[in-house]
Amino acid sequence: MLLNALASLGHKGIKTLRTFGRAGLMLFNALVGKPEFRKHAPLLVRQLYNVGVLSMLIIVVSGVFIGMVLGLQGYLVLTTYSAETSLGMLVALSLLRELGRWLPRCCLPGVLVRR
């Protein structure tokens, strides 16, 4: 019984060290294989513009329409509790919490395919 506990502890220790070793190798390879920033800066700026700025219209339009629908539905529910003043916070939190993870997954492939 004591031998099994000691073997289990050793197995967990080796697994932890193996994980740290892999992370260290990944960090080393990332630092050694690091491209020169000045050489690739114009390409980086162009890609940031393509992915960030050009998808902003899609994000704003979808956010406006989804916010209007959430506002209408939320207002109808909040009027039963006389809490209409919380509508703005409800819409903002709902958009950030629910669409914050979903919207980039839908917008970025469309922008990348368009290029």
PDB file of N, CA and C in Angstrom:
ATOM      1  N   MET A   1       0.823  -1.183   0.000  1.00  0.00           N
ATOM      2  CA  MET A   1       0.000   0.000   0.000  1.00  0.00           C
ATOM      3  C   MET A   1       0.876   1.259   0.000  1.00  0.00           C
ATOM      4  N   LEU A   2       1.864   1.268   0.851  1.00  0.00           N
ATOM      5  CA  LEU A   2       2.775   2.405   0.900  1.00  0.00           C
ATOM      6  C   LEU A   2       3.602   2.486  -0.377  1.00  0.00           C
ATOM      7  N   LEU A   3       3.935   1.325  -0.907  1.00  0.00           N
ATOM      8  CA  LEU A   3       4.706   1.284  -2.146  1.00  0.00           C
ATOM      9  C   LEU A   3       3.886   1.824  -3.320  1.00  0.00           C
ATOM     10  N   ASN A   4       2.583   1.513  -3.354  1.00  0.00           N
ATOM     11  CA  ASN A   4       1.706   2.037  -4.415  1.00  0.00           C
ATOM     12  C   ASN A   4       1.563   3.555  -4.318  1.00  0.00           C
ATOM     13  N   ALA A   5       1.445   4.070  -3.101  1.00  0.00           N
ATOM     14  CA  ALA A   5       1.340   5.520  -2.914  1.00  0.00           C
ATOM     15  C   ALA A   5       2.625   6.209  -3.352  1.00  0.00           C
ATOM     16  N   LEU A   6       3.766   5.600  -3.015  1.00  0.00           N
ATOM     17  CA  LEU A   6       5.050   6.169  -3.413  1.00  0.00           C
ATOM     18  C   LEU A   6       5.229   6.119  -4.929  1.00  0.00           C
ATOM     19  N   ALA A   7       4.786   5.026  -5.557  1.00  0.00           N
ATOM     20  CA  ALA A   7       4.865   4.913  -7.020  1.00  0.00           C
ATOM     21  C   ALA A   7       3.952   5.933  -7.693  1.00  0.00           C
ATOM     22  N   SER A   8       2.767   6.139  -7.126  1.00  0.00           N
ATOM     23  CA  SER A   8       1.839   7.129  -7.679  1.00  0.00           C
ATOM     24  C   SER A   8       2.419   8.541  -7.560  1.00  0.00           C
ATOM     25  N   LEU A   9       3.037   8.829  -6.425  1.00  0.00           N
ATOM     26  CA  LEU A   9       3.664  10.140  -6.236  1.00  0.00           C
ATOM     27  C   LEU A   9       4.811  10.343  -7.221  1.00  0.00           C
ATOM     28  N   GLY A  10       5.614   9.304  -7.431  1.00  0.00           N
ATOM     29  CA  GLY A  10       6.698   9.401  -8.402  1.00  0.00           C
ATOM     30  C   GLY A  10       6.187   9.591  -9.818  1.00  0.00           C
ATOM     31  N   HIS A  11       5.092   8.895 -10.158  1.00  0.00           N
ATOM     32  CA  HIS A  11       4.508   9.032 -11.497  1.00  0.00           C
ATOM     33  C   HIS A  11       4.003  10.458 -11.731  1.00  0.00           C
ATOM     34  N   LYS A  12       3.335  11.027 -10.719  1.00  0.00           N
ATOM     35  CA  LYS A  12       2.842  12.407 -10.844  1.00  0.00           C
ATOM     36  C   LYS A  12       3.997  13.402 -10.955  1.00  0.00           C
ATOM     37  N   GLY A  13       5.065  13.158 -10.200  1.00  0.00           N
ATOM     38  CA  GLY A  13       6.226  14.042 -10.276  1.00  0.00           C
ATOM     39  C   GLY A  13       6.893  14.000 -11.642  1.00  0.00           C
ATOM     40  N   ILE A  14       7.053  12.793 -12.189  1.00  0.00           N
ATOM     41  CA  ILE A  14       7.653  12.660 -13.520  1.00  0.00           C
ATOM     42  C   ILE A  14       6.764  13.302 -14.577  1.00  0.00           C
ATOM     43  N   LYS A  15       5.448  13.139 -14.434  1.00  0.00           N
ATOM     44  CA  LYS A  15       4.514  13.745 -15.390  1.00  0.00           C
ATOM     45  C   LYS A  15       4.608  15.273 -15.340  1.00  0.00           C
ATOM     46  N   THR A  16       4.719  15.826 -14.135  1.00  0.00           N
ATOM     47  CA  THR A  16       4.842  17.282 -13.989  1.00  0.00           C
ATOM     48  C   THR A  16       6.147  17.782 -14.596  1.00  0.00           C
ATOM     49  N   LEU A  17       7.244  17.081 -14.331  1.00  0.00           N
ATOM     50  CA  LEU A  17       8.527  17.485 -14.908  1.00  0.00           C
ATOM     51  C   LEU A  17       8.525  17.366 -16.425  1.00  0.00           C
ATOM     52  N   ARG A  18       7.869  16.348 -16.947  1.00  0.00           N
ATOM     53  CA  ARG A  18       7.773  16.179 -18.395  1.00  0.00           C
ATOM     54  C   ARG A  18       6.988  17.342 -19.021  1.00  0.00           C
ATOM     55  N   THR A  19       5.915  17.765 -18.338  1.00  0.00           N
ATOM     56  CA  THR A  19       5.124  18.897 -18.832  1.00  0.00           C
ATOM     57  C   THR A  19       5.948  20.183 -18.831  1.00  0.00           C
ATOM     58  N   PHE A  20       6.682  20.430 -17.743  1.00  0.00           N
ATOM     59  CA  PHE A  20       7.536  21.621 -17.689  1.00  0.00           C
ATOM     60  C   PHE A  20       8.639  21.557 -18.734  1.00  0.00           C
ATOM     61  N   GLY A  21       9.152  20.368 -18.988  1.00  0.00           N
ATOM     62  CA  GLY A  21      10.176  20.221 -20.018  1.00  0.00           C
ATOM     63  C   GLY A  21       9.643  20.552 -21.399  1.00  0.00           C
ATOM     64  N   ARG A  22       8.437  20.090 -21.700  1.00  0.00           N
ATOM     65  CA  ARG A  22       7.836  20.413 -23.001  1.00  0.00           C
ATOM     66  C   ARG A  22       7.580  21.906 -23.134  1.00  0.00           C
ATOM     67  N   ALA A  23       7.090  22.526 -22.053  1.00  0.00           N
ATOM     68  CA  ALA A  23       6.843  23.969 -22.094  1.00  0.00           C
ATOM     69  C   ALA A  23       8.150  24.736 -22.261  1.00  0.00           C
ATOM     70  N   GLY A  24       9.200  24.279 -21.593  1.00  0.00           N
ATOM     71  CA  GLY A  24      10.500  24.929 -21.741  1.00  0.00           C
ATOM     72  C   GLY A  24      11.053  24.798 -23.147  1.00  0.00           C
ATOM     73  N   LEU A  25      10.891  23.618 -23.747  1.00  0.00           N
ATOM     74  CA  LEU A  25      11.336  23.436 -25.132  1.00  0.00           C
ATOM     75  C   LEU A  25      10.551  24.323 -26.094  1.00  0.00           C
ATOM     76  N   MET A  26       9.240  24.448 -25.857  1.00  0.00           N
ATOM     77  CA  MET A  26       8.433  25.303 -26.718  1.00  0.00           C
ATOM     78  C   MET A  26       8.877  26.764 -26.590  1.00  0.00           C
ATOM     79  N   LEU A  27       9.142  27.214 -25.364  1.00  0.00           N
ATOM     80  CA  LEU A  27       9.605  28.584 -25.156  1.00  0.00           C
ATOM     81  C   LEU A  27      10.965  28.807 -25.810  1.00  0.00           C
ATOM     82  N   PHE A  28      11.859  27.852 -25.668  1.00  0.00           N
ATOM     83  CA  PHE A  28      13.178  27.968 -26.282  1.00  0.00           C
ATOM     84  C   PHE A  28      13.067  28.044 -27.803  1.00  0.00           C
ATOM     85  N   ASN A  29      12.251  27.175 -28.394  1.00  0.00           N
ATOM     86  CA  ASN A  29      12.078  27.195 -29.849  1.00  0.00           C
ATOM     87  C   ASN A  29      11.422  28.490 -30.326  1.00  0.00           C
ATOM     88  N   ALA A  30      10.516  29.027 -29.517  1.00  0.00           N
ATOM     89  CA  ALA A  30       9.873  30.287 -29.901  1.00  0.00           C
ATOM     90  C   ALA A  30      10.861  31.445 -29.852  1.00  0.00           C
ATOM     91  N   LEU A  31      11.744  31.449 -28.868  1.00  0.00           N
ATOM     92  CA  LEU A  31      12.706  32.544 -28.752  1.00  0.00           C
ATOM     93  C   LEU A  31      13.828  32.429 -29.770  1.00  0.00           C
ATOM     94  N   VAL A  32      14.270  31.221 -30.052  1.00  0.00           N
ATOM     95  CA  VAL A  32      15.351  31.040 -31.017  1.00  0.00           C
ATOM     96  C   VAL A  32      14.844  31.281 -32.430  1.00  0.00           C
ATOM     97  N   GLY A  33      13.645  30.803 -32.720  1.00  0.00           N
ATOM     98  CA  GLY A  33      13.096  30.960 -34.065  1.00  0.00           C
ATOM     99  C   GLY A  33      12.329  32.249 -34.260  1.00  0.00           C
ATOM    100  N   LYS A  34      12.541  33.223 -33.389  1.00  0.00           N
ATOM    101  CA  LYS A  34      11.818  34.494 -33.442  1.00  0.00           C
ATOM    102  C   LYS A  34      12.211  35.284 -34.691  1.00  0.00           C
ATOM    103  N   PRO A  35      11.239  35.683 -35.507  1.00  0.00           N
ATOM    104  CA  PRO A  35      11.592  36.488 -36.685  1.00  0.00           C
ATOM    105  C   PRO A  35      11.957  37.919 -36.283  1.00  0.00           C
ATOM    106  N   GLU A  36      12.688  38.558 -37.129  1.00  0.00           N
ATOM    107  CA  GLU A  36      13.055  39.947 -36.861  1.00  0.00           C
ATOM    108  C   GLU A  36      11.831  40.835 -37.069  1.00  0.00           C
ATOM    109  N   PHE A  37      11.540  41.658 -36.068  1.00  0.00           N
ATOM    110  CA  PHE A  37      10.334  42.472 -36.125  1.00  0.00           C
ATOM    111  C   PHE A  37      10.415  43.528 -37.220  1.00  0.00           C
ATOM    112  N   ARG A  38      11.542  44.173 -37.363  1.00  0.00           N
ATOM    113  CA  ARG A  38      11.661  45.256 -38.350  1.00  0.00           C
ATOM    114  C   ARG A  38      11.519  44.736 -39.772  1.00  0.00           C
ATOM    115  N   LYS A  39      11.939  43.524 -39.986  1.00  0.00           N
ATOM    116  CA  LYS A  39      11.849  42.942 -41.319  1.00  0.00           C
ATOM    117  C   LYS A  39      10.395  42.641 -41.693  1.00  0.00           C
ATOM    118  N   HIS A  40       9.604  42.212 -40.711  1.00  0.00           N
ATOM    119  CA  HIS A  40       8.230  41.799 -40.980  1.00  0.00           C
ATOM    120  C   HIS A  40       7.185  42.797 -40.477  1.00  0.00           C
ATOM    121  N   ALA A  41       7.590  43.980 -40.054  1.00  0.00           N
ATOM    122  CA  ALA A  41       6.652  44.955 -39.505  1.00  0.00           C
ATOM    123  C   ALA A  41       5.594  45.401 -40.513  1.00  0.00           C
ATOM    124  N   PRO A  42       5.926  45.714 -41.772  1.00  0.00           N
ATOM    125  CA  PRO A  42       4.863  46.125 -42.704  1.00  0.00           C
ATOM    126  C   PRO A  42       3.833  45.024 -42.954  1.00  0.00           C
ATOM    127  N   LEU A  43       4.287  43.789 -43.030  1.00  0.00           N
ATOM    128  CA  LEU A  43       3.357  42.676 -43.212  1.00  0.00           C
ATOM    129  C   LEU A  43       2.453  42.523 -41.994  1.00  0.00           C
ATOM    130  N   LEU A  44       3.017  42.685 -40.798  1.00  0.00           N
ATOM    131  CA  LEU A  44       2.231  42.589 -39.577  1.00  0.00           C
ATOM    132  C   LEU A  44       1.172  43.680 -39.523  1.00  0.00           C
ATOM    133  N   VAL A  45       1.547  44.907 -39.861  1.00  0.00           N
ATOM    134  CA  VAL A  45       0.594  46.023 -39.842  1.00  0.00           C
ATOM    135  C   VAL A  45      -0.516  45.792 -40.864  1.00  0.00           C
ATOM    136  N   ARG A  46      -0.171  45.305 -42.040  1.00  0.00           N
ATOM    137  CA  ARG A  46      -1.172  45.043 -43.072  1.00  0.00           C
ATOM    138  C   ARG A  46      -2.146  43.946 -42.634  1.00  0.00           C
ATOM    139  N   GLN A  47      -1.629  42.897 -42.013  1.00  0.00           N
ATOM    140  CA  GLN A  47      -2.498  41.814 -41.560  1.00  0.00           C
ATOM    141  C   GLN A  47      -3.387  42.263 -40.405  1.00  0.00           C
ATOM    142  N   LEU A  48      -2.845  43.074 -39.491  1.00  0.00           N
ATOM    143  CA  LEU A  48      -3.673  43.611 -38.412  1.00  0.00           C
ATOM    144  C   LEU A  48      -4.787  44.489 -38.962  1.00  0.00           C
ATOM    145  N   TYR A  49      -4.496  45.276 -39.988  1.00  0.00           N
ATOM    146  CA  TYR A  49      -5.516  46.103 -40.616  1.00  0.00           C
ATOM    147  C   TYR A  49      -6.580  45.226 -41.271  1.00  0.00           C
ATOM    148  N   ASN A  50      -6.157  44.201 -42.008  1.00  0.00           N
ATOM    149  CA  ASN A  50      -7.114  43.331 -42.691  1.00  0.00           C
ATOM    150  C   ASN A  50      -8.022  42.603 -41.714  1.00  0.00           C
ATOM    151  N   VAL A  51      -7.447  42.092 -40.645  1.00  0.00           N
ATOM    152  CA  VAL A  51      -8.232  41.299 -39.709  1.00  0.00           C
ATOM    153  C   VAL A  51      -9.016  42.191 -38.748  1.00  0.00           C
ATOM    154  N   GLY A  52      -8.435  43.288 -38.309  1.00  0.00           N
ATOM    155  CA  GLY A  52      -9.076  44.112 -37.296  1.00  0.00           C
ATOM    156  C   GLY A  52     -10.000  45.174 -37.838  1.00  0.00           C
ATOM    157  N   VAL A  53      -9.479  46.046 -38.671  1.00  0.00           N
ATOM    158  CA  VAL A  53     -10.246  47.205 -39.118  1.00  0.00           C
ATOM    159  C   VAL A  53     -11.328  46.812 -40.120  1.00  0.00           C
ATOM    160  N   LEU A  54     -11.014  45.930 -41.032  1.00  0.00           N
ATOM    161  CA  LEU A  54     -11.991  45.577 -42.058  1.00  0.00           C
ATOM    162  C   LEU A  54     -13.155  44.745 -41.525  1.00  0.00           C
ATOM    163  N   SER A  55     -12.980  44.091 -40.393  1.00  0.00           N
ATOM    164  CA  SER A  55     -14.092  43.336 -39.821  1.00  0.00           C
ATOM    165  C   SER A  55     -14.908  44.173 -38.844  1.00  0.00           C
ATOM    166  N   MET A  56     -14.504  45.427 -38.602  1.00  0.00           N
ATOM    167  CA  MET A  56     -15.212  46.264 -37.643  1.00  0.00           C
ATOM    168  C   MET A  56     -16.640  46.569 -38.086  1.00  0.00           C
ATOM    169  N   LEU A  57     -16.858  46.774 -39.376  1.00  0.00           N
ATOM    170  CA  LEU A  57     -18.204  47.058 -39.867  1.00  0.00           C
ATOM    171  C   LEU A  57     -19.144  45.888 -39.590  1.00  0.00           C
ATOM    172  N   ILE A  58     -18.671  44.676 -39.795  1.00  0.00           N
ATOM    173  CA  ILE A  58     -19.494  43.498 -39.530  1.00  0.00           C
ATOM    174  C   ILE A  58     -19.839  43.413 -38.051  1.00  0.00           C
ATOM    175  N   ILE A  59     -18.870  43.680 -37.203  1.00  0.00           N
ATOM    176  CA  ILE A  59     -19.087  43.597 -35.762  1.00  0.00           C
ATOM    177  C   ILE A  59     -20.069  44.665 -35.304  1.00  0.00           C
ATOM    178  N   VAL A  60     -19.932  45.881 -35.807  1.00  0.00           N
ATOM    179  CA  VAL A  60     -20.812  46.973 -35.387  1.00  0.00           C
ATOM    180  C   VAL A  60     -22.244  46.733 -35.852  1.00  0.00           C
ATOM    181  N   VAL A  61     -22.428  46.347 -37.101  1.00  0.00           N
ATOM    182  CA  VAL A  61     -23.783  46.131 -37.624  1.00  0.00           C
ATOM    183  C   VAL A  61     -24.468  44.985 -36.893  1.00  0.00           C
ATOM    184  N   SER A  62     -23.765  43.873 -36.711  1.00  0.00           N
ATOM    185  CA  SER A  62     -24.392  42.754 -36.007  1.00  0.00           C
ATOM    186  C   SER A  62     -24.652  43.112 -34.547  1.00  0.00           C
ATOM    187  N   GLY A  63     -23.761  43.859 -33.910  1.00  0.00           N
ATOM    188  CA  GLY A  63     -23.986  44.284 -32.535  1.00  0.00           C
ATOM    189  C   GLY A  63     -25.182  45.205 -32.391  1.00  0.00           C
ATOM    190  N   VAL A  64     -25.375  46.104 -33.355  1.00  0.00           N
ATOM    191  CA  VAL A  64     -26.522  47.019 -33.300  1.00  0.00           C
ATOM    192  C   VAL A  64     -27.833  46.249 -33.416  1.00  0.00           C
ATOM    193  N   PHE A  65     -27.922  45.370 -34.389  1.00  0.00           N
ATOM    194  CA  PHE A  65     -29.179  44.654 -34.580  1.00  0.00           C
ATOM    195  C   PHE A  65     -29.457  43.670 -33.448  1.00  0.00           C
ATOM    196  N   ILE A  66     -28.438  42.979 -32.982  1.00  0.00           N
ATOM    197  CA  ILE A  66     -28.641  42.062 -31.863  1.00  0.00           C
ATOM    198  C   ILE A  66     -28.976  42.845 -30.600  1.00  0.00           C
ATOM    199  N   GLY A  67     -28.348  44.005 -30.416  1.00  0.00           N
ATOM    200  CA  GLY A  67     -28.668  44.848 -29.274  1.00  0.00           C
ATOM    201  C   GLY A  67     -30.093  45.366 -29.311  1.00  0.00           C
ATOM    202  N   MET A  68     -30.591  45.700 -30.510  1.00  0.00           N
ATOM    203  CA  MET A  68     -31.985  46.150 -30.610  1.00  0.00           C
ATOM    204  C   MET A  68     -32.955  45.029 -30.254  1.00  0.00           C
ATOM    205  N   VAL A  69     -32.676  43.827 -30.715  1.00  0.00           N
ATOM    206  CA  VAL A  69     -33.551  42.695 -30.387  1.00  0.00           C
ATOM    207  C   VAL A  69     -33.498  42.400 -28.893  1.00  0.00           C
ATOM    208  N   LEU A  70     -32.292  42.400 -28.317  1.00  0.00           N
ATOM    209  CA  LEU A  70     -32.171  42.178 -26.878  1.00  0.00           C
ATOM    210  C   LEU A  70     -32.863  43.284 -26.087  1.00  0.00           C
ATOM    211  N   GLY A  71     -32.750  44.519 -26.570  1.00  0.00           N
ATOM    212  CA  GLY A  71     -33.407  45.631 -25.894  1.00  0.00           C
ATOM    213  C   GLY A  71     -34.916  45.493 -25.893  1.00  0.00           C
ATOM    214  N   LEU A  72     -35.481  45.109 -27.017  1.00  0.00           N
ATOM    215  CA  LEU A  72     -36.934  44.930 -27.093  1.00  0.00           C
ATOM    216  C   LEU A  72     -37.396  43.794 -26.194  1.00  0.00           C
ATOM    217  N   GLN A  73     -36.727  42.659 -26.269  1.00  0.00           N
ATOM    218  CA  GLN A  73     -37.121  41.523 -25.436  1.00  0.00           C
ATOM    219  C   GLN A  73     -36.883  41.808 -23.957  1.00  0.00           C
ATOM    220  N   GLY A  74     -35.757  42.451 -23.647  1.00  0.00           N
ATOM    221  CA  GLY A  74     -35.464  42.771 -22.259  1.00  0.00           C
ATOM    222  C   GLY A  74     -36.428  43.789 -21.682  1.00  0.00           C
ATOM    223  N   TYR A  75     -36.844  44.752 -22.494  1.00  0.00           N
ATOM    224  CA  TYR A  75     -37.788  45.761 -22.013  1.00  0.00           C
ATOM    225  C   TYR A  75     -39.124  45.127 -21.656  1.00  0.00           C
ATOM    226  N   LEU A  76     -39.581  44.204 -22.498  1.00  0.00           N
ATOM    227  CA  LEU A  76     -40.856  43.544 -22.219  1.00  0.00           C
ATOM    228  C   LEU A  76     -40.799  42.734 -20.924  1.00  0.00           C
ATOM    229  N   VAL A  77     -39.668  42.140 -20.631  1.00  0.00           N
ATOM    230  CA  VAL A  77     -39.532  41.373 -19.391  1.00  0.00           C
ATOM    231  C   VAL A  77     -39.346  42.305 -18.199  1.00  0.00           C
ATOM    232  N   LEU A  78     -38.532  43.347 -18.354  1.00  0.00           N
ATOM    233  CA  LEU A  78     -38.222  44.225 -17.225  1.00  0.00           C
ATOM    234  C   LEU A  78     -39.397  45.107 -16.816  1.00  0.00           C
ATOM    235  N   THR A  79     -40.335  45.363 -17.715  1.00  0.00           N
ATOM    236  CA  THR A  79     -41.495  46.178 -17.333  1.00  0.00           C
ATOM    237  C   THR A  79     -42.382  45.454 -16.333  1.00  0.00           C
ATOM    238  N   THR A  80     -42.373  44.133 -16.341  1.00  0.00           N
ATOM    239  CA  THR A  80     -43.185  43.408 -15.356  1.00  0.00           C
ATOM    240  C   THR A  80     -42.626  43.568 -13.947  1.00  0.00           C
ATOM    241  N   TYR A  81     -41.328  43.870 -13.824  1.00  0.00           N
ATOM    242  CA  TYR A  81     -40.703  44.048 -12.515  1.00  0.00           C
ATOM    243  C   TYR A  81     -40.379  45.511 -12.226  1.00  0.00           C
ATOM    244  N   SER A  82     -40.818  46.421 -13.065  1.00  0.00           N
ATOM    245  CA  SER A  82     -40.550  47.863 -12.932  1.00  0.00           C
ATOM    246  C   SER A  82     -39.049  48.139 -12.819  1.00  0.00           C
ATOM    247  N   ALA A  83     -38.269  47.500 -13.684  1.00  0.00           N
ATOM    248  CA  ALA A  83     -36.811  47.658 -13.656  1.00  0.00           C
ATOM    249  C   ALA A  83     -36.300  48.073 -15.026  1.00  0.00           C
ATOM    250  N   GLU A  84     -37.008  49.005 -15.676  1.00  0.00           N
ATOM    251  CA  GLU A  84     -36.628  49.420 -17.027  1.00  0.00           C
ATOM    252  C   GLU A  84     -35.273  50.118 -17.066  1.00  0.00           C
ATOM    253  N   THR A  85     -34.854  50.679 -15.944  1.00  0.00           N
ATOM    254  CA  THR A  85     -33.584  51.406 -15.932  1.00  0.00           C
ATOM    255  C   THR A  85     -32.382  50.470 -16.071  1.00  0.00           C
ATOM    256  N   SER A  86     -32.573  49.196 -15.855  1.00  0.00           N
ATOM    257  CA  SER A  86     -31.475  48.224 -15.973  1.00  0.00           C
ATOM    258  C   SER A  86     -31.319  47.681 -17.380  1.00  0.00           C
ATOM    259  N   LEU A  87     -32.068  48.232 -18.333  1.00  0.00           N
ATOM    260  CA  LEU A  87     -32.058  47.689 -19.688  1.00  0.00           C
ATOM    261  C   LEU A  87     -30.702  47.851 -20.369  1.00  0.00           C
ATOM    262  N   GLY A  88     -30.078  49.004 -20.239  1.00  0.00           N
ATOM    263  CA  GLY A  88     -28.781  49.224 -20.878  1.00  0.00           C
ATOM    264  C   GLY A  88     -27.715  48.275 -20.362  1.00  0.00           C
ATOM    265  N   MET A  89     -27.681  48.089 -19.045  1.00  0.00           N
ATOM    266  CA  MET A  89     -26.712  47.167 -18.467  1.00  0.00           C
ATOM    267  C   MET A  89     -27.001  45.729 -18.904  1.00  0.00           C
ATOM    268  N   LEU A  90     -28.272  45.371 -19.007  1.00  0.00           N
ATOM    269  CA  LEU A  90     -28.646  44.027 -19.454  1.00  0.00           C
ATOM    270  C   LEU A  90     -28.161  43.768 -20.873  1.00  0.00           C
ATOM    271  N   VAL A  91     -28.381  44.723 -21.762  1.00  0.00           N
ATOM    272  CA  VAL A  91     -27.972  44.543 -23.160  1.00  0.00           C
ATOM    273  C   VAL A  91     -26.451  44.509 -23.278  1.00  0.00           C
ATOM    274  N   ALA A  92     -25.766  45.419 -22.590  1.00  0.00           N
ATOM    275  CA  ALA A  92     -24.303  45.464 -22.679  1.00  0.00           C
ATOM    276  C   ALA A  92     -23.663  44.190 -22.139  1.00  0.00           C
ATOM    277  N   LEU A  93     -24.122  43.739 -20.988  1.00  0.00           N
ATOM    278  CA  LEU A  93     -23.551  42.518 -20.417  1.00  0.00           C
ATOM    279  C   LEU A  93     -23.878  41.297 -21.259  1.00  0.00           C
ATOM    280  N   SER A  94     -25.080  41.259 -21.814  1.00  0.00           N
ATOM    281  CA  SER A  94     -25.446  40.120 -22.662  1.00  0.00           C
ATOM    282  C   SER A  94     -24.600  40.084 -23.923  1.00  0.00           C
ATOM    283  N   LEU A  95     -24.398  41.242 -24.541  1.00  0.00           N
ATOM    284  CA  LEU A  95     -23.574  41.271 -25.751  1.00  0.00           C
ATOM    285  C   LEU A  95     -22.137  40.863 -25.455  1.00  0.00           C
ATOM    286  N   LEU A  96     -21.581  41.385 -24.369  1.00  0.00           N
ATOM    287  CA  LEU A  96     -20.192  41.048 -24.045  1.00  0.00           C
ATOM    288  C   LEU A  96     -20.035  39.595 -23.623  1.00  0.00           C
ATOM    289  N   ARG A  97     -20.956  39.132 -22.801  1.00  0.00           N
ATOM    290  CA  ARG A  97     -20.811  37.791 -22.251  1.00  0.00           C
ATOM    291  C   ARG A  97     -21.094  36.709 -23.282  1.00  0.00           C
ATOM    292  N   GLU A  98     -22.137  36.890 -24.066  1.00  0.00           N
ATOM    293  CA  GLU A  98     -22.545  35.834 -24.990  1.00  0.00           C
ATOM    294  C   GLU A  98     -21.875  35.955 -26.353  1.00  0.00           C
ATOM    295  N   LEU A  99     -21.771  37.167 -26.879  1.00  0.00           N
ATOM    296  CA  LEU A  99     -21.239  37.323 -28.226  1.00  0.00           C
ATOM    297  C   LEU A  99     -19.743  37.588 -28.261  1.00  0.00           C
ATOM    298  N   GLY A 100     -19.146  37.870 -27.131  1.00  0.00           N
ATOM    299  CA  GLY A 100     -17.716  38.144 -27.103  1.00  0.00           C
ATOM    300  C   GLY A 100     -16.874  36.972 -27.564  1.00  0.00           C
ATOM    301  N   ARG A 101     -17.321  35.771 -27.289  1.00  0.00           N
ATOM    302  CA  ARG A 101     -16.583  34.585 -27.719  1.00  0.00           C
ATOM    303  C   ARG A 101     -17.031  34.120 -29.093  1.00  0.00           C
ATOM    304  N   TRP A 102     -18.275  34.389 -29.446  1.00  0.00           N
ATOM    305  CA  TRP A 102     -18.852  33.828 -30.663  1.00  0.00           C
ATOM    306  C   TRP A 102     -18.578  34.679 -31.899  1.00  0.00           C
ATOM    307  N   LEU A 103     -18.625  35.984 -31.754  1.00  0.00           N
ATOM    308  CA  LEU A 103     -18.532  36.876 -32.908  1.00  0.00           C
ATOM    309  C   LEU A 103     -17.200  36.793 -33.646  1.00  0.00           C
ATOM    310  N   PRO A 104     -16.051  36.765 -32.981  1.00  0.00           N
ATOM    311  CA  PRO A 104     -14.799  36.647 -33.753  1.00  0.00           C
ATOM    312  C   PRO A 104     -14.697  35.353 -34.547  1.00  0.00           C
ATOM    313  N   ARG A 105     -15.294  34.284 -34.041  1.00  0.00           N
ATOM    314  CA  ARG A 105     -15.258  33.018 -34.775  1.00  0.00           C
ATOM    315  C   ARG A 105     -16.050  33.099 -36.064  1.00  0.00           C
ATOM    316  N   CYS A 106     -17.057  33.950 -36.093  1.00  0.00           N
ATOM    317  CA  CYS A 106     -17.872  34.084 -37.303  1.00  0.00           C
ATOM    318  C   CYS A 106     -17.323  35.148 -38.242  1.00  0.00           C
ATOM    319  N   CYS A 107     -16.754  36.211 -37.701  1.00  0.00           N
ATOM    320  CA  CYS A 107     -16.300  37.324 -38.543  1.00  0.00           C
ATOM    321  C   CYS A 107     -14.951  37.060 -39.190  1.00  0.00           C
ATOM    322  N   LEU A 108     -14.020  36.516 -38.447  1.00  0.00           N
ATOM    323  CA  LEU A 108     -12.664  36.362 -38.976  1.00  0.00           C
ATOM    324  C   LEU A 108     -12.580  35.440 -40.183  1.00  0.00           C
ATOM    325  N   PRO A 109     -13.253  34.299 -40.200  1.00  0.00           N
ATOM    326  CA  PRO A 109     -13.172  33.491 -41.429  1.00  0.00           C
ATOM    327  C   PRO A 109     -13.735  34.205 -42.647  1.00  0.00           C
ATOM    328  N   GLY A 110     -14.780  34.998 -42.465  1.00  0.00           N
ATOM    329  CA  GLY A 110     -15.332  35.747 -43.591  1.00  0.00           C
ATOM    330  C   GLY A 110     -14.362  36.777 -44.126  1.00  0.00           C
ATOM    331  N   VAL A 111     -13.651  37.444 -43.226  1.00  0.00           N
ATOM    332  CA  VAL A 111     -12.671  38.441 -43.657  1.00  0.00           C
ATOM    333  C   VAL A 111     -11.496  37.756 -44.338  1.00  0.00           C
ATOM    334  N   LEU A 112     -11.060  36.638 -43.798  1.00  0.00           N
ATOM    335  CA  LEU A 112      -9.907  35.946 -44.372  1.00  0.00           C
ATOM    336  C   LEU A 112     -10.234  35.327 -45.725  1.00  0.00           C
ATOM    337  N   VAL A 113     -11.454  34.839 -45.896  1.00  0.00           N
ATOM    338  CA  VAL A 113     -11.844  34.263 -47.185  1.00  0.00           C
ATOM    339  C   VAL A 113     -11.979  35.359 -48.231  1.00  0.00           C
ATOM    340  N   ARG A 114     -12.440  36.529 -47.795  1.00  0.00           N
ATOM    341  CA  ARG A 114     -12.638  37.639 -48.720  1.00  0.00           C
ATOM    342  C   ARG A 114     -11.316  38.092 -49.326  1.00  0.00           C
ATOM    343  N   ARG A 115     -10.225  37.950 -48.618  1.00  0.00           N
ATOM    344  CA  ARG A 115      -8.915  38.403 -49.100  1.00  0.00           C
ATOM    345  C   ARG A 115      -8.415  37.429 -50.088  1.00  0.00           C
TER     346      ARG A 115
END
